[in-house]
Amino acid sequence: MRANGNGMPMQCVANLVRIVRGECIYDRIKGIDSTLIDKPEPIARPLLITDVRWLIKTYEPRVDANEVDLEDLLALQGNFRININAIVKG
């Protein structure tokens, strides 16, 4: 997390998708489902996108996540980036 500015909606979304489920001691369902990491890409992609949408809807109601997509950075090594097109609700 950043030293300041963590209350801004888009920063909160960025923080949420960097957390693995179970990492927060008093909120065990916050974060990305870690069981999706080892699944094959065709199976994990739709599940991870759904999980990210649920996470944002549940924990950051100020943001409407219109489009969530995964970008393969180095597919052979299993690296990916989550791209989220979202707007802050007014």
Protein backbone atom coordinates (compact mmCIF):
# COMPACT_ATOMS: atom_id res chain seq x y z
CA MET A 1 0.00 0.00 0.00
CA ARG A 2 1.01 3.56 -0.48
CA ALA A 3 1.99 5.83 2.37
CA ASN A 4 -0.95 8.15 1.63
CA GLY A 5 -3.91 8.44 -0.73
CA ASN A 6 -5.24 4.97 0.12
CA GLY A 7 -8.77 6.30 0.58
CA MET A 8 -9.19 7.21 -3.09
CA PRO A 9 -11.59 4.77 -4.81
CA MET A 10 -9.27 3.65 -7.60
CA GLN A 11 -6.38 3.16 -5.18
CA CYS A 12 -8.66 1.03 -3.00
CA VAL A 13 -9.48 -1.14 -6.03
CA ALA A 14 -5.77 -1.52 -6.80
CA ASN A 15 -5.12 -2.52 -3.20
CA LEU A 16 -7.99 -5.04 -3.20
CA VAL A 17 -6.78 -6.95 -6.25
CA ARG A 18 -3.29 -7.24 -4.75
CA ILE A 19 -4.57 -9.07 -1.66
CA VAL A 20 -4.86 -12.87 -1.58
CA ARG A 21 -7.94 -14.26 0.14
CA GLY A 22 -7.13 -15.19 3.73
CA GLU A 23 -4.37 -12.61 4.03
CA CYS A 24 -6.50 -10.19 6.08
CA ILE A 25 -6.81 -11.69 9.53
CA TYR A 26 -10.22 -10.28 10.46
CA ASP A 27 -11.75 -10.44 6.98
CA ARG A 28 -10.87 -13.82 5.48
CA ILE A 29 -12.89 -13.41 2.27
CA LYS A 30 -11.25 -10.14 1.18
CA GLY A 31 -8.90 -10.58 -1.76
CA ILE A 32 -8.38 -12.76 -4.82
CA ASP A 33 -9.04 -16.50 -4.51
CA SER A 34 -5.61 -18.13 -4.34
CA THR A 35 -6.90 -21.47 -5.67
CA LEU A 36 -7.29 -19.87 -9.11
CA ILE A 37 -3.56 -19.26 -9.44
CA ASP A 38 -2.61 -22.87 -10.22
CA LYS A 39 -5.51 -23.63 -12.57
CA PRO A 40 -5.03 -23.78 -16.34
CA GLU A 41 -5.59 -20.44 -18.08
CA PRO A 42 -8.83 -21.35 -19.95
CA ILE A 43 -10.43 -22.41 -16.66
CA ALA A 44 -8.95 -19.70 -14.41
CA ARG A 45 -9.59 -16.67 -16.66
CA PRO A 46 -13.42 -16.49 -16.38
CA LEU A 47 -13.34 -17.48 -12.71
CA LEU A 48 -10.76 -14.83 -11.87
CA ILE A 49 -12.68 -12.14 -13.78
CA THR A 50 -15.86 -13.05 -11.90
CA ASP A 51 -13.95 -13.06 -8.61
CA VAL A 52 -12.50 -9.59 -9.28
CA ARG A 53 -15.95 -8.19 -10.15
CA TRP A 54 -17.41 -9.64 -6.95
CA LEU A 55 -14.51 -8.30 -4.90
CA ILE A 56 -14.94 -4.76 -6.23
CA LYS A 57 -18.73 -4.82 -5.88
CA THR A 58 -18.49 -6.12 -2.30
CA TYR A 59 -15.63 -4.05 -0.91
CA GLU A 60 -15.60 -0.89 -3.02
CA PRO A 61 -19.20 0.19 -3.73
CA ARG A 62 -17.97 3.62 -4.87
CA VAL A 63 -16.62 2.02 -8.05
CA ASP A 64 -18.49 0.40 -10.94
CA ALA A 65 -16.21 -2.14 -12.65
CA ASN A 66 -17.49 -2.19 -16.21
CA GLU A 67 -14.78 -4.30 -17.78
CA VAL A 68 -12.29 -6.65 -16.20
CA ASP A 69 -9.77 -8.47 -18.37
CA LEU A 70 -6.53 -10.36 -17.91
CA GLU A 71 -3.49 -9.55 -19.98
CA ASP A 72 -0.93 -12.30 -20.41
CA LEU A 73 2.50 -10.81 -19.82
CA LEU A 74 4.64 -13.91 -19.95
CA ALA A 75 2.19 -16.75 -20.48
CA LEU A 76 4.85 -19.43 -20.28
CA GLN A 77 5.82 -18.27 -16.79
CA GLY A 78 2.22 -17.78 -15.64
CA ASN A 79 2.46 -14.01 -15.21
CA PHE A 80 -0.57 -11.86 -15.87
CA ARG A 81 -1.92 -8.36 -15.28
CA ILE A 82 -5.50 -7.53 -14.30
CA ASN A 83 -6.86 -4.66 -16.36
CA ILE A 84 -9.93 -2.97 -14.88
CA ASN A 85 -11.92 -0.31 -16.67
CA ALA A 86 -13.97 1.28 -13.94
CA ILE A 87 -15.69 4.52 -13.09
CA VAL A 88 -16.24 6.13 -9.73
CA LYS A 89 -19.94 6.40 -9.01
CA GLY A 90 -21.03 9.97 -8.64
